[in-house]
């Protein structure tokens, strides 16, 4: 596996937060909506999602290893997967993965 390089988190004019992680040429980005959702979680859920997204995600690449992964559109850009009782929405364009939202699973 390659080296991991972290770049400081900065806000862009498009309301996204960027953190570049170079691991198998994978770049991860975090939408402001995702970070707001993350901050609103209960402490235990926050820690679980935080650890997975910021540390474990690159290790779980390729996509098919993500828990309960579902493609949401015909183009294969938008997906969702679950961590415990939370849905995490992502956008994938080539080697760029952007985390969009993290929300509690709906009651069924």
C-alpha atoms as a PDB file:
ATOM      1  CA  UNK A   1       0.000   0.000   0.000  1.00  0.00           C
ATOM      2  CA  UNK A   2       1.079   3.586  -0.606  1.00  0.00           C
ATOM      3  CA  UNK A   3       1.821   6.362   1.833  1.00  0.00           C
ATOM      4  CA  UNK A   4      -0.947   8.440   3.341  1.00  0.00           C
ATOM      5  CA  UNK A   5      -0.592  12.222   3.056  1.00  0.00           C
ATOM      6  CA  UNK A   6      -2.948  14.516   4.928  1.00  0.00           C
ATOM      7  CA  UNK A   7      -3.632  18.049   3.720  1.00  0.00           C
ATOM      8  CA  UNK A   8      -5.088  20.625   6.152  1.00  0.00           C
ATOM      9  CA  UNK A   9      -8.855  20.946   6.019  1.00  0.00           C
ATOM     10  CA  UNK A  10      -9.973  24.209   4.399  1.00  0.00           C
ATOM     11  CA  UNK A  11     -13.332  25.545   3.290  1.00  0.00           C
ATOM     12  CA  UNK A  12     -13.904  26.295  -0.375  1.00  0.00           C
ATOM     13  CA  UNK A  13     -16.305  28.744  -1.955  1.00  0.00           C
ATOM     14  CA  UNK A  14     -18.540  25.800  -2.867  1.00  0.00           C
ATOM     15  CA  UNK A  15     -19.236  24.943   0.799  1.00  0.00           C
ATOM     16  CA  UNK A  16     -17.181  21.764   0.720  1.00  0.00           C
ATOM     17  CA  UNK A  17     -14.376  20.730   3.000  1.00  0.00           C
ATOM     18  CA  UNK A  18     -11.396  19.060   1.358  1.00  0.00           C
ATOM     19  CA  UNK A  19      -9.037  16.589   2.941  1.00  0.00           C
ATOM     20  CA  UNK A  20      -6.852  14.802   0.475  1.00  0.00           C
ATOM     21  CA  UNK A  21      -5.676  11.349   1.366  1.00  0.00           C
ATOM     22  CA  UNK A  22      -3.323   9.743  -1.101  1.00  0.00           C
ATOM     23  CA  UNK A  23      -3.738   6.009  -0.812  1.00  0.00           C
ATOM     24  CA  UNK A  24      -4.018   4.088  -4.037  1.00  0.00           C
ATOM     25  CA  UNK A  25      -4.673   7.503  -5.657  1.00  0.00           C
ATOM     26  CA  UNK A  26      -7.926   7.930  -3.720  1.00  0.00           C
ATOM     27  CA  UNK A  27      -8.997  11.485  -2.869  1.00  0.00           C
ATOM     28  CA  UNK A  28     -11.671  11.987  -0.231  1.00  0.00           C
ATOM     29  CA  UNK A  29     -13.724  15.153   0.168  1.00  0.00           C
ATOM     30  CA  UNK A  30     -16.294  16.100   2.768  1.00  0.00           C
ATOM     31  CA  UNK A  31     -19.326  18.285   2.039  1.00  0.00           C
ATOM     32  CA  UNK A  32     -20.205  20.847   4.675  1.00  0.00           C
ATOM     33  CA  UNK A  33     -23.598  19.098   5.032  1.00  0.00           C
ATOM     34  CA  UNK A  34     -21.779  15.875   5.960  1.00  0.00           C
ATOM     35  CA  UNK A  35     -19.700  17.634   8.623  1.00  0.00           C
ATOM     36  CA  UNK A  36     -22.778  19.357  10.068  1.00  0.00           C
ATOM     37  CA  UNK A  37     -24.600  16.003  10.191  1.00  0.00           C
ATOM     38  CA  UNK A  38     -21.573  14.388  11.827  1.00  0.00           C
ATOM     39  CA  UNK A  39     -21.364  17.052  14.541  1.00  0.00           C
ATOM     40  CA  UNK A  40     -25.041  16.548  15.385  1.00  0.00           C
ATOM     41  CA  UNK A  41     -24.665  12.825  16.169  1.00  0.00           C
ATOM     42  CA  UNK A  42     -24.641  11.486  19.716  1.00  0.00           C
ATOM     43  CA  UNK A  43     -21.064  11.077  21.038  1.00  0.00           C
ATOM     44  CA  UNK A  44     -20.826   7.285  20.588  1.00  0.00           C
ATOM     45  CA  UNK A  45     -22.279   7.427  17.063  1.00  0.00           C
ATOM     46  CA  UNK A  46     -20.075  10.410  16.212  1.00  0.00           C
ATOM     47  CA  UNK A  47     -16.943   8.503  17.226  1.00  0.00           C
ATOM     48  CA  UNK A  48     -17.944   5.356  15.320  1.00  0.00           C
ATOM     49  CA  UNK A  49     -18.759   7.224  12.091  1.00  0.00           C
ATOM     50  CA  UNK A  50     -15.736   9.532  12.468  1.00  0.00           C
ATOM     51  CA  UNK A  51     -13.318   6.618  12.901  1.00  0.00           C
ATOM     52  CA  UNK A  52     -14.764   4.766   9.934  1.00  0.00           C
ATOM     53  CA  UNK A  53     -14.902   7.726   7.547  1.00  0.00           C
ATOM     54  CA  UNK A  54     -11.584   9.360   8.418  1.00  0.00           C
ATOM     55  CA  UNK A  55      -9.474   6.278   9.165  1.00  0.00           C
ATOM     56  CA  UNK A  56     -11.013   2.986   8.023  1.00  0.00           C
ATOM     57  CA  UNK A  57     -12.665   3.972   4.731  1.00  0.00           C
ATOM     58  CA  UNK A  58      -9.536   3.893   2.563  1.00  0.00           C
ATOM     59  CA  UNK A  59      -8.676   0.480   3.993  1.00  0.00           C
ATOM     60  CA  UNK A  60     -12.102  -0.818   2.926  1.00  0.00           C
ATOM     61  CA  UNK A  61     -11.619   0.222  -0.690  1.00  0.00           C
ATOM     62  CA  UNK A  62     -12.776  -1.106  -3.203  1.00  0.00           C
ATOM     63  CA  UNK A  63     -16.414  -0.165  -2.926  1.00  0.00           C
ATOM     64  CA  UNK A  64     -17.902  -3.642  -2.820  1.00  0.00           C
ATOM     65  CA  UNK A  65     -16.428  -4.146   0.663  1.00  0.00           C
ATOM     66  CA  UNK A  66     -18.510  -1.306   2.153  1.00  0.00           C
ATOM     67  CA  UNK A  67     -21.367  -2.462   4.409  1.00  0.00           C
ATOM     68  CA  UNK A  68     -24.747  -2.652   2.642  1.00  0.00           C
ATOM     69  CA  UNK A  69     -23.563  -0.566  -0.305  1.00  0.00           C
ATOM     70  CA  UNK A  70     -26.322   0.507  -2.704  1.00  0.00           C
ATOM     71  CA  UNK A  71     -26.030   2.443  -5.948  1.00  0.00           C
ATOM     72  CA  UNK A  72     -28.619   5.244  -6.027  1.00  0.00           C
ATOM     73  CA  UNK A  73     -28.514   6.382  -9.659  1.00  0.00           C
ATOM     74  CA  UNK A  74     -28.146   4.906 -13.132  1.00  0.00           C
ATOM     75  CA  UNK A  75     -24.785   6.592 -13.746  1.00  0.00           C
ATOM     76  CA  UNK A  76     -23.125   4.975 -10.721  1.00  0.00           C
ATOM     77  CA  UNK A  77     -22.143   8.294  -9.162  1.00  0.00           C
ATOM     78  CA  UNK A  78     -24.266   8.344  -6.013  1.00  0.00           C
ATOM     79  CA  UNK A  79     -24.160   5.550  -3.449  1.00  0.00           C
ATOM     80  CA  UNK A  80     -25.055   4.926   0.146  1.00  0.00           C
ATOM     81  CA  UNK A  81     -23.834   2.483   2.751  1.00  0.00           C
ATOM     82  CA  UNK A  82     -24.517   1.879   6.419  1.00  0.00           C
ATOM     83  CA  UNK A  83     -22.502   2.132   9.591  1.00  0.00           C
ATOM     84  CA  UNK A  84     -24.425   0.824  12.576  1.00  0.00           C
ATOM     85  CA  UNK A  85     -27.800   2.629  12.385  1.00  0.00           C
ATOM     86  CA  UNK A  86     -26.674   5.416  10.056  1.00  0.00           C
ATOM     87  CA  UNK A  87     -26.833   5.905   6.299  1.00  0.00           C
ATOM     88  CA  UNK A  88     -23.847   7.585   4.689  1.00  0.00           C
ATOM     89  CA  UNK A  89     -24.305   9.147   1.250  1.00  0.00           C
ATOM     90  CA  UNK A  90     -21.309   9.432  -1.060  1.00  0.00           C
ATOM     91  CA  UNK A  91     -20.572  10.711  -4.560  1.00  0.00           C
ATOM     92  CA  UNK A  92     -17.925   8.875  -6.568  1.00  0.00           C
ATOM     93  CA  UNK A  93     -16.296  10.379  -9.637  1.00  0.00           C
ATOM     94  CA  UNK A  94     -13.265   8.407 -10.729  1.00  0.00           C
ATOM     95  CA  UNK A  95     -10.880   8.317  -7.786  1.00  0.00           C
ATOM     96  CA  UNK A  96     -12.639  11.145  -5.922  1.00  0.00           C
ATOM     97  CA  UNK A  97     -15.052  10.154  -3.161  1.00  0.00           C
ATOM     98  CA  UNK A  98     -17.135  12.930  -1.617  1.00  0.00           C
ATOM     99  CA  UNK A  99     -19.047  12.279   1.594  1.00  0.00           C
ATOM    100  CA  UNK A 100     -22.406  14.055   1.311  1.00  0.00           C
ATOM    101  CA  UNK A 101     -24.595  13.189   4.319  1.00  0.00           C
ATOM    102  CA  UNK A 102     -24.804  10.982   7.387  1.00  0.00           C
ATOM    103  CA  UNK A 103     -28.330  10.461   8.695  1.00  0.00           C
ATOM    104  CA  UNK A 104     -30.053   8.027  11.067  1.00  0.00           C
ATOM    105  CA  UNK A 105     -31.662   5.010   9.414  1.00  0.00           C
ATOM    106  CA  UNK A 106     -35.388   5.600   8.944  1.00  0.00           C
ATOM    107  CA  UNK A 107     -37.768   3.497  11.015  1.00  0.00           C
ATOM    108  CA  UNK A 108     -39.442   0.897   8.847  1.00  0.00           C
END
